[in-house]
Amino acid sequence: MSVNRFEIMPLLLCAPAEALVSADAPAGRPVTLIVDIVKDWATAAGKVQPILDGRASDSAKGPTLLRIGMPDDDNGQAALSSLVAARPDGFVLSRCGGVADIQKFDAMLRVAEAENGLEAGSVAILAEVGALPEFFLSAETIRGASERLKGLIFDGAALAKVTASQANDATAGRPGAPALFARAATVLKAAQADLPRYELLTEEPPSPEELRTIRDVSRADGFSGVIARNAAQLAALASG
């Protein structure tokens, strides 16, 4: 899929390769699938190839992205090139700290595209923020950081872990202060760059009604949508 035609489907799922029994929501609605290989991405090319091949044969299924960490050396560049050879539509760059990370990853993707005979810029990036507070504390705009940057993903669980705060403050009856600030910063930075922004759900199993409430609150706060973490969450979000 050319980056110029890249379009995120309203239903999104992020799950490990072994948990992906089916990437389709009920009624065959298209899904943006994020294969979570962040823990072993450097050796996961063989594991994700069948998933990518299966979805490439049916363009109605929606784009497929791979969630990875930042490649940081020559071995990382080689591993990234092996994943690009599997022909994903894009990557979710986890633990993104800002413009410098986006630009570095963009440059590495450009090398990987050249090595695999792909058009420069044909592989998209979604930057995942939350694990590194400097993203929210920097006044630097992400506008123009990369033409292949297609959106931001906010990981509230990662933020809560790194700040030792609560994602939801039960005493105050609202999200914790770091979460409120970071969610707002994500929306504002994405809006400034005219990019969509998504909220990554936790893996906890709230009821379908609670899931849809979380989705509606997220949208009211300026997010473009939420990202399910398993098939049950995806089905609940698809049903209402």
C-alpha atoms as a PDB file:
ATOM      1  CA  MET A   1       0.000   0.000   0.000  1.00  0.00           C
ATOM      2  CA  SER A   2       1.445   3.360  -0.933  1.00  0.00           C
ATOM      3  CA  VAL A   3       1.830   5.825   1.895  1.00  0.00           C
ATOM      4  CA  ASN A   4      -0.199   8.281  -0.194  1.00  0.00           C
ATOM      5  CA  ARG A   5      -3.198   5.925   0.018  1.00  0.00           C
ATOM      6  CA  PHE A   6      -2.664   4.941   3.646  1.00  0.00           C
ATOM      7  CA  GLU A   7      -5.911   5.148   5.598  1.00  0.00           C
ATOM      8  CA  ILE A   8      -6.508   3.909   9.122  1.00  0.00           C
ATOM      9  CA  MET A   9      -9.757   1.980   9.540  1.00  0.00           C
ATOM     10  CA  PRO A  10     -12.075   3.100  12.386  1.00  0.00           C
ATOM     11  CA  LEU A  11     -11.727  -0.283  14.111  1.00  0.00           C
ATOM     12  CA  LEU A  12      -8.198  -0.924  15.409  1.00  0.00           C
ATOM     13  CA  LEU A  13      -6.656  -3.957  17.122  1.00  0.00           C
ATOM     14  CA  CYS A  14      -3.207  -4.312  18.692  1.00  0.00           C
ATOM     15  CA  ALA A  15      -2.313  -7.840  19.793  1.00  0.00           C
ATOM     16  CA  PRO A  16       0.598 -10.304  19.725  1.00  0.00           C
ATOM     17  CA  ALA A  17       0.920 -12.489  16.649  1.00  0.00           C
ATOM     18  CA  GLU A  18       0.005 -15.651  18.573  1.00  0.00           C
ATOM     19  CA  ALA A  19      -3.271 -14.085  19.755  1.00  0.00           C
ATOM     20  CA  LEU A  20      -4.490 -13.170  16.292  1.00  0.00           C
ATOM     21  CA  VAL A  21      -6.944 -15.960  15.530  1.00  0.00           C
ATOM     22  CA  SER A  22      -8.814 -13.534  13.300  1.00  0.00           C
ATOM     23  CA  ALA A  23      -8.219  -9.874  12.531  1.00  0.00           C
ATOM     24  CA  ASP A  24     -11.769  -9.301  11.350  1.00  0.00           C
ATOM     25  CA  ALA A  25     -14.517  -7.733  13.408  1.00  0.00           C
ATOM     26  CA  PRO A  26     -18.078  -9.084  13.275  1.00  0.00           C
ATOM     27  CA  ALA A  27     -19.875  -8.503   9.975  1.00  0.00           C
ATOM     28  CA  GLY A  28     -16.555  -8.404   8.146  1.00  0.00           C
ATOM     29  CA  ARG A  29     -15.832  -4.753   8.908  1.00  0.00           C
ATOM     30  CA  PRO A  30     -12.276  -3.728   7.981  1.00  0.00           C
ATOM     31  CA  VAL A  31      -9.752  -3.463  10.811  1.00  0.00           C
ATOM     32  CA  THR A  32      -6.429  -1.708  11.165  1.00  0.00           C
ATOM     33  CA  LEU A  33      -4.302  -4.495  12.616  1.00  0.00           C
ATOM     34  CA  ILE A  34      -1.217  -3.730  14.712  1.00  0.00           C
ATOM     35  CA  VAL A  35       0.841  -6.879  15.263  1.00  0.00           C
ATOM     36  CA  ASP A  36       2.531  -6.413  18.643  1.00  0.00           C
ATOM     37  CA  ILE A  37       6.066  -7.780  18.298  1.00  0.00           C
ATOM     38  CA  VAL A  38       7.716  -5.155  20.474  1.00  0.00           C
ATOM     39  CA  LYS A  39       9.370  -7.734  22.756  1.00  0.00           C
ATOM     40  CA  ASP A  40      11.018  -9.777  19.993  1.00  0.00           C
ATOM     41  CA  TRP A  41      10.738  -7.641  16.868  1.00  0.00           C
ATOM     42  CA  ALA A  42      14.350  -8.161  15.807  1.00  0.00           C
ATOM     43  CA  THR A  43      13.692 -11.862  15.153  1.00  0.00           C
ATOM     44  CA  ALA A  44       9.985 -11.798  14.283  1.00  0.00           C
ATOM     45  CA  ALA A  45      10.054 -11.575  10.472  1.00  0.00           C
ATOM     46  CA  GLY A  46       9.145 -15.233  10.011  1.00  0.00           C
ATOM     47  CA  LYS A  47       6.344 -14.989  12.568  1.00  0.00           C
ATOM     48  CA  VAL A  48       4.629 -12.008  10.958  1.00  0.00           C
ATOM     49  CA  GLN A  49       5.073 -13.057   7.319  1.00  0.00           C
ATOM     50  CA  PRO A  50       2.025 -15.407   7.249  1.00  0.00           C
ATOM     51  CA  ILE A  51      -0.156 -12.702   8.831  1.00  0.00           C
ATOM     52  CA  LEU A  52       0.960 -10.112   6.312  1.00  0.00           C
ATOM     53  CA  ASP A  53       0.577 -12.510   3.395  1.00  0.00           C
ATOM     54  CA  GLY A  54      -2.931 -13.471   4.478  1.00  0.00           C
ATOM     55  CA  ARG A  55      -4.114  -9.902   4.840  1.00  0.00           C
ATOM     56  CA  ALA A  56      -2.409  -8.731   1.636  1.00  0.00           C
ATOM     57  CA  SER A  57      -4.565 -11.207  -0.292  1.00  0.00           C
ATOM     58  CA  ASP A  58      -7.698  -9.349   0.848  1.00  0.00           C
ATOM     59  CA  SER A  59      -7.368  -5.572   0.497  1.00  0.00           C
ATOM     60  CA  ALA A  60     -10.746  -5.084   2.208  1.00  0.00           C
ATOM     61  CA  LYS A  61      -9.256  -6.129   5.542  1.00  0.00           C
ATOM     62  CA  GLY A  62      -7.463  -2.833   6.101  1.00  0.00           C
ATOM     63  CA  PRO A  63      -3.819  -1.917   6.738  1.00  0.00           C
ATOM     64  CA  THR A  64      -1.421  -4.030   8.803  1.00  0.00           C
ATOM     65  CA  LEU A  65       1.286  -2.449  10.943  1.00  0.00           C
ATOM     66  CA  LEU A  66       4.042  -3.867  13.138  1.00  0.00           C
ATOM     67  CA  ARG A  67       4.635  -2.496  16.641  1.00  0.00           C
ATOM     68  CA  ILE A  68       8.357  -2.397  17.372  1.00  0.00           C
ATOM     69  CA  GLY A  69      11.026  -0.572  19.372  1.00  0.00           C
ATOM     70  CA  MET A  70      13.618   1.815  17.971  1.00  0.00           C
ATOM     71  CA  PRO A  71      16.394   0.061  15.997  1.00  0.00           C
ATOM     72  CA  ASP A  72      19.603   1.439  17.442  1.00  0.00           C
ATOM     73  CA  ASP A  73      22.556  -0.091  15.593  1.00  0.00           C
ATOM     74  CA  ASP A  74      23.634  -1.887  12.413  1.00  0.00           C
ATOM     75  CA  ASN A  75      21.996  -5.106  13.591  1.00  0.00           C
ATOM     76  CA  GLY A  76      18.813  -3.142  14.200  1.00  0.00           C
ATOM     77  CA  GLN A  77      18.912  -1.777  10.662  1.00  0.00           C
ATOM     78  CA  ALA A  78      19.275  -5.295   9.281  1.00  0.00           C
ATOM     79  CA  ALA A  79      16.370  -6.530  11.414  1.00  0.00           C
ATOM     80  CA  LEU A  80      14.227  -3.617  10.291  1.00  0.00           C
ATOM     81  CA  SER A  81      15.034  -4.367   6.650  1.00  0.00           C
ATOM     82  CA  SER A  82      13.926  -7.970   7.157  1.00  0.00           C
ATOM     83  CA  LEU A  83      10.575  -6.747   8.487  1.00  0.00           C
ATOM     84  CA  VAL A  84      10.164  -4.276   5.614  1.00  0.00           C
ATOM     85  CA  ALA A  85      10.791  -7.195   3.239  1.00  0.00           C
ATOM     86  CA  ALA A  86       7.613  -8.776   4.651  1.00  0.00           C
ATOM     87  CA  ARG A  87       5.679  -5.789   3.221  1.00  0.00           C
ATOM     88  CA  PRO A  88       3.790  -4.263   6.179  1.00  0.00           C
ATOM     89  CA  ASP A  89       1.847  -1.094   5.492  1.00  0.00           C
ATOM     90  CA  GLY A  90       3.678   0.613   8.305  1.00  0.00           C
ATOM     91  CA  PHE A  91       5.160   0.506  11.786  1.00  0.00           C
ATOM     92  CA  VAL A  92       4.098   1.662  15.221  1.00  0.00           C
ATOM     93  CA  LEU A  93       7.216   3.110  16.844  1.00  0.00           C
ATOM     94  CA  SER A  94       6.797   2.456  20.566  1.00  0.00           C
ATOM     95  CA  ARG A  95       8.553   4.568  23.228  1.00  0.00           C
ATOM     96  CA  CYS A  96       8.781   7.569  20.924  1.00  0.00           C
ATOM     97  CA  GLY A  97      10.407  10.527  22.660  1.00  0.00           C
ATOM     98  CA  GLY A  98       9.836  13.166  20.008  1.00  0.00           C
ATOM     99  CA  VAL A  99      10.895  14.556  16.668  1.00  0.00           C
ATOM    100  CA  ALA A 100      14.448  13.182  16.790  1.00  0.00           C
ATOM    101  CA  ASP A 101      13.161   9.607  17.198  1.00  0.00           C
ATOM    102  CA  ILE A 102      10.667  10.037  14.362  1.00  0.00           C
ATOM    103  CA  GLN A 103      13.297  11.452  12.025  1.00  0.00           C
ATOM    104  CA  LYS A 104      15.836   8.759  12.908  1.00  0.00           C
ATOM    105  CA  PHE A 105      13.280   6.027  12.267  1.00  0.00           C
ATOM    106  CA  ASP A 106      12.256   7.704   9.014  1.00  0.00           C
ATOM    107  CA  ALA A 107      15.877   7.607   7.818  1.00  0.00           C
ATOM    108  CA  MET A 108      16.241   3.938   8.751  1.00  0.00           C
ATOM    109  CA  LEU A 109      13.040   3.077   6.918  1.00  0.00           C
ATOM    110  CA  ARG A 110      14.334   4.892   3.845  1.00  0.00           C
ATOM    111  CA  VAL A 111      17.394   2.614   3.860  1.00  0.00           C
ATOM    112  CA  ALA A 112      15.216  -0.482   4.355  1.00  0.00           C
ATOM    113  CA  GLU A 113      12.926   0.541   1.496  1.00  0.00           C
ATOM    114  CA  ALA A 114      15.896   0.986  -0.836  1.00  0.00           C
ATOM    115  CA  GLU A 115      17.294  -2.400   0.137  1.00  0.00           C
ATOM    116  CA  ASN A 116      13.955  -4.038  -0.665  1.00  0.00           C
ATOM    117  CA  GLY A 117      13.184  -2.167  -3.886  1.00  0.00           C
ATOM    118  CA  LEU A 118      10.298  -0.190  -2.420  1.00  0.00           C
ATOM    119  CA  GLU A 119       9.323   3.377  -3.227  1.00  0.00           C
ATOM    120  CA  ALA A 120      10.812   5.855  -0.757  1.00  0.00           C
ATOM    121  CA  GLY A 121       8.172   6.859   1.792  1.00  0.00           C
ATOM    122  CA  SER A 122       5.889   3.934   1.036  1.00  0.00           C
ATOM    123  CA  VAL A 123       5.988   2.571   4.613  1.00  0.00           C
ATOM    124  CA  ALA A 124       3.997   4.593   7.157  1.00  0.00           C
ATOM    125  CA  ILE A 125       4.813   5.483  10.776  1.00  0.00           C
ATOM    126  CA  LEU A 126       2.519   5.852  13.764  1.00  0.00           C
ATOM    127  CA  ALA A 127       4.394   7.204  16.792  1.00  0.00           C
ATOM    128  CA  GLU A 128       3.414   5.706  20.148  1.00  0.00           C
ATOM    129  CA  VAL A 129       3.914   8.028  23.107  1.00  0.00           C
ATOM    130  CA  GLY A 130       3.628   7.555  26.853  1.00  0.00           C
ATOM    131  CA  ALA A 131       6.746   5.718  28.012  1.00  0.00           C
ATOM    132  CA  LEU A 132       9.044   8.755  27.655  1.00  0.00           C
ATOM    133  CA  PRO A 133       7.823  11.928  29.438  1.00  0.00           C
ATOM    134  CA  GLU A 134      10.063  14.176  27.321  1.00  0.00           C
ATOM    135  CA  PHE A 135       7.579  13.890  24.457  1.00  0.00           C
ATOM    136  CA  PHE A 136       4.962  15.750  26.510  1.00  0.00           C
ATOM    137  CA  LEU A 137       7.383  18.216  28.117  1.00  0.00           C
ATOM    138  CA  SER A 138       8.931  19.403  24.862  1.00  0.00           C
ATOM    139  CA  ALA A 139       7.487  22.440  23.103  1.00  0.00           C
ATOM    140  CA  GLU A 140       8.830  21.149  19.782  1.00  0.00           C
ATOM    141  CA  THR A 141       6.173  20.586  17.124  1.00  0.00           C
ATOM    142  CA  ILE A 142       5.937  17.291  15.259  1.00  0.00           C
ATOM    143  CA  ARG A 143       4.582  19.072  12.192  1.00  0.00           C
ATOM    144  CA  GLY A 144       6.893  18.275   9.290  1.00  0.00           C
ATOM    145  CA  ALA A 145       8.888  15.690  11.258  1.00  0.00           C
ATOM    146  CA  SER A 146       8.241  13.090   8.551  1.00  0.00           C
ATOM    147  CA  GLU A 147       5.928  12.858   5.572  1.00  0.00           C
ATOM    148  CA  ARG A 148       5.316   9.222   6.454  1.00  0.00           C
ATOM    149  CA  LEU A 149       4.072  10.065   9.986  1.00  0.00           C
ATOM    150  CA  LYS A 150       0.359   9.208   9.939  1.00  0.00           C
ATOM    151  CA  GLY A 151      -0.734   9.613  13.547  1.00  0.00           C
ATOM    152  CA  LEU A 152       0.003   9.405  17.273  1.00  0.00           C
ATOM    153  CA  ILE A 153      -0.934   6.640  19.705  1.00  0.00           C
ATOM    154  CA  PHE A 154      -1.194   7.411  23.423  1.00  0.00           C
ATOM    155  CA  ASP A 155      -0.244   4.581  25.802  1.00  0.00           C
ATOM    156  CA  GLY A 156      -1.654   5.563  29.187  1.00  0.00           C
ATOM    157  CA  ALA A 157      -0.469   2.386  30.911  1.00  0.00           C
ATOM    158  CA  ALA A 158       3.148   3.124  29.934  1.00  0.00           C
ATOM    159  CA  LEU A 159       2.822   6.681  31.234  1.00  0.00           C
ATOM    160  CA  ALA A 160       1.369   5.488  34.542  1.00  0.00           C
ATOM    161  CA  LYS A 161       4.261   3.068  34.953  1.00  0.00           C
ATOM    162  CA  VAL A 162       7.018   5.578  34.221  1.00  0.00           C
ATOM    163  CA  THR A 163       5.483   8.277  36.457  1.00  0.00           C
ATOM    164  CA  ALA A 164       4.429   5.909  39.284  1.00  0.00           C
ATOM    165  CA  SER A 165       0.975   7.469  39.049  1.00  0.00           C
ATOM    166  CA  GLN A 166      -2.508   6.079  38.676  1.00  0.00           C
ATOM    167  CA  ALA A 167      -4.073   6.009  35.250  1.00  0.00           C
ATOM    168  CA  ASN A 168      -7.363   6.631  37.026  1.00  0.00           C
ATOM    169  CA  ASP A 169      -7.538   8.377  40.411  1.00  0.00           C
ATOM    170  CA  ALA A 170     -10.384   6.620  42.203  1.00  0.00           C
ATOM    171  CA  THR A 171     -10.345   9.171  45.050  1.00  0.00           C
ATOM    172  CA  ALA A 172     -10.672  12.134  42.715  1.00  0.00           C
ATOM    173  CA  GLY A 173     -13.019  10.300  40.378  1.00  0.00           C
ATOM    174  CA  ARG A 174     -10.980  11.233  37.302  1.00  0.00           C
ATOM    175  CA  PRO A 175      -7.790  10.231  35.498  1.00  0.00           C
ATOM    176  CA  GLY A 176      -4.575  10.940  37.386  1.00  0.00           C
ATOM    177  CA  ALA A 177      -2.908  14.321  36.839  1.00  0.00           C
ATOM    178  CA  PRO A 178      -0.060  12.998  34.618  1.00  0.00           C
ATOM    179  CA  ALA A 179      -2.599  11.172  32.457  1.00  0.00           C
ATOM    180  CA  LEU A 180      -4.753  14.268  32.073  1.00  0.00           C
ATOM    181  CA  PHE A 181      -1.763  16.380  31.065  1.00  0.00           C
ATOM    182  CA  ALA A 182      -0.283  13.786  28.691  1.00  0.00           C
ATOM    183  CA  ARG A 183      -3.590  12.979  27.009  1.00  0.00           C
ATOM    184  CA  ALA A 184      -4.175  16.673  26.389  1.00  0.00           C
ATOM    185  CA  ALA A 185      -0.619  17.116  25.083  1.00  0.00           C
ATOM    186  CA  THR A 186      -1.076  14.200  22.685  1.00  0.00           C
ATOM    187  CA  VAL A 187      -4.285  15.663  21.282  1.00  0.00           C
ATOM    188  CA  LEU A 188      -2.807  19.163  20.991  1.00  0.00           C
ATOM    189  CA  LYS A 189       0.450  18.075  19.352  1.00  0.00           C
ATOM    190  CA  ALA A 190      -1.407  15.864  16.883  1.00  0.00           C
ATOM    191  CA  ALA A 191      -3.938  18.575  16.100  1.00  0.00           C
ATOM    192  CA  GLN A 192      -1.125  21.083  15.548  1.00  0.00           C
ATOM    193  CA  ALA A 193       0.349  18.696  12.980  1.00  0.00           C
ATOM    194  CA  ASP A 194      -3.081  17.859  11.521  1.00  0.00           C
ATOM    195  CA  LEU A 195      -2.700  14.181  12.431  1.00  0.00           C
ATOM    196  CA  PRO A 196      -5.191  11.662  13.851  1.00  0.00           C
ATOM    197  CA  ARG A 197      -4.571  10.422  17.398  1.00  0.00           C
ATOM    198  CA  TYR A 198      -5.566   7.179  19.053  1.00  0.00           C
ATOM    199  CA  GLU A 199      -5.730   5.887  22.602  1.00  0.00           C
ATOM    200  CA  LEU A 200      -4.359   2.416  23.343  1.00  0.00           C
ATOM    201  CA  LEU A 201      -6.658   0.503  25.683  1.00  0.00           C
ATOM    202  CA  THR A 202      -5.297  -1.548  28.556  1.00  0.00           C
ATOM    203  CA  GLU A 203      -5.509  -5.328  28.442  1.00  0.00           C
ATOM    204  CA  GLU A 204      -7.893  -5.372  31.400  1.00  0.00           C
ATOM    205  CA  PRO A 205     -11.325  -6.817  30.517  1.00  0.00           C
ATOM    206  CA  PRO A 206     -13.931  -4.107  31.203  1.00  0.00           C
ATOM    207  CA  SER A 207     -17.476  -4.881  30.235  1.00  0.00           C
ATOM    208  CA  PRO A 208     -18.678  -4.045  26.706  1.00  0.00           C
ATOM    209  CA  GLU A 209     -20.643  -1.108  28.097  1.00  0.00           C
ATOM    210  CA  GLU A 210     -17.575   0.228  29.922  1.00  0.00           C
ATOM    211  CA  LEU A 211     -15.478  -0.157  26.778  1.00  0.00           C
ATOM    212  CA  ARG A 212     -17.908   1.862  24.724  1.00  0.00           C
ATOM    213  CA  THR A 213     -18.017   4.530  27.445  1.00  0.00           C
ATOM    214  CA  ILE A 214     -14.203   4.727  27.407  1.00  0.00           C
ATOM    215  CA  ARG A 215     -14.327   5.071  23.617  1.00  0.00           C
ATOM    216  CA  ASP A 216     -16.932   7.837  23.779  1.00  0.00           C
ATOM    217  CA  VAL A 217     -14.981   9.758  26.436  1.00  0.00           C
ATOM    218  CA  SER A 218     -11.814   9.394  24.379  1.00  0.00           C
ATOM    219  CA  ARG A 219     -13.528  10.802  21.318  1.00  0.00           C
ATOM    220  CA  ALA A 220     -15.008  13.661  23.348  1.00  0.00           C
ATOM    221  CA  ASP A 221     -11.487  14.505  24.539  1.00  0.00           C
ATOM    222  CA  GLY A 222     -10.287  14.844  20.951  1.00  0.00           C
ATOM    223  CA  PHE A 223      -8.947  11.384  20.137  1.00  0.00           C
ATOM    224  CA  SER A 224      -9.844   9.873  16.781  1.00  0.00           C
ATOM    225  CA  GLY A 225     -10.571   6.470  18.317  1.00  0.00           C
ATOM    226  CA  VAL A 226      -9.355   3.740  20.661  1.00  0.00           C
ATOM    227  CA  ILE A 227      -7.272   0.655  19.946  1.00  0.00           C
ATOM    228  CA  ALA A 228      -8.557  -2.704  21.196  1.00  0.00           C
ATOM    229  CA  ARG A 229      -6.096  -5.139  22.784  1.00  0.00           C
ATOM    230  CA  ASN A 230      -7.896  -8.414  22.087  1.00  0.00           C
ATOM    231  CA  ALA A 231     -10.663  -9.907  19.972  1.00  0.00           C
ATOM    232  CA  ALA A 232     -13.290  -9.534  22.727  1.00  0.00           C
ATOM    233  CA  GLN A 233     -12.654  -5.804  23.039  1.00  0.00           C
ATOM    234  CA  LEU A 234     -12.738  -5.422  19.271  1.00  0.00           C
ATOM    235  CA  ALA A 235     -16.079  -7.231  19.012  1.00  0.00           C
ATOM    236  CA  ALA A 236     -17.577  -5.069  21.777  1.00  0.00           C
ATOM    237  CA  LEU A 237     -16.433  -1.870  20.099  1.00  0.00           C
ATOM    238  CA  ALA A 238     -17.716  -3.063  16.742  1.00  0.00           C
ATOM    239  CA  SER A 239     -21.163  -3.872  18.106  1.00  0.00           C
ATOM    240  CA  GLY A 240     -22.155  -0.448  19.277  1.00  0.00           C
END
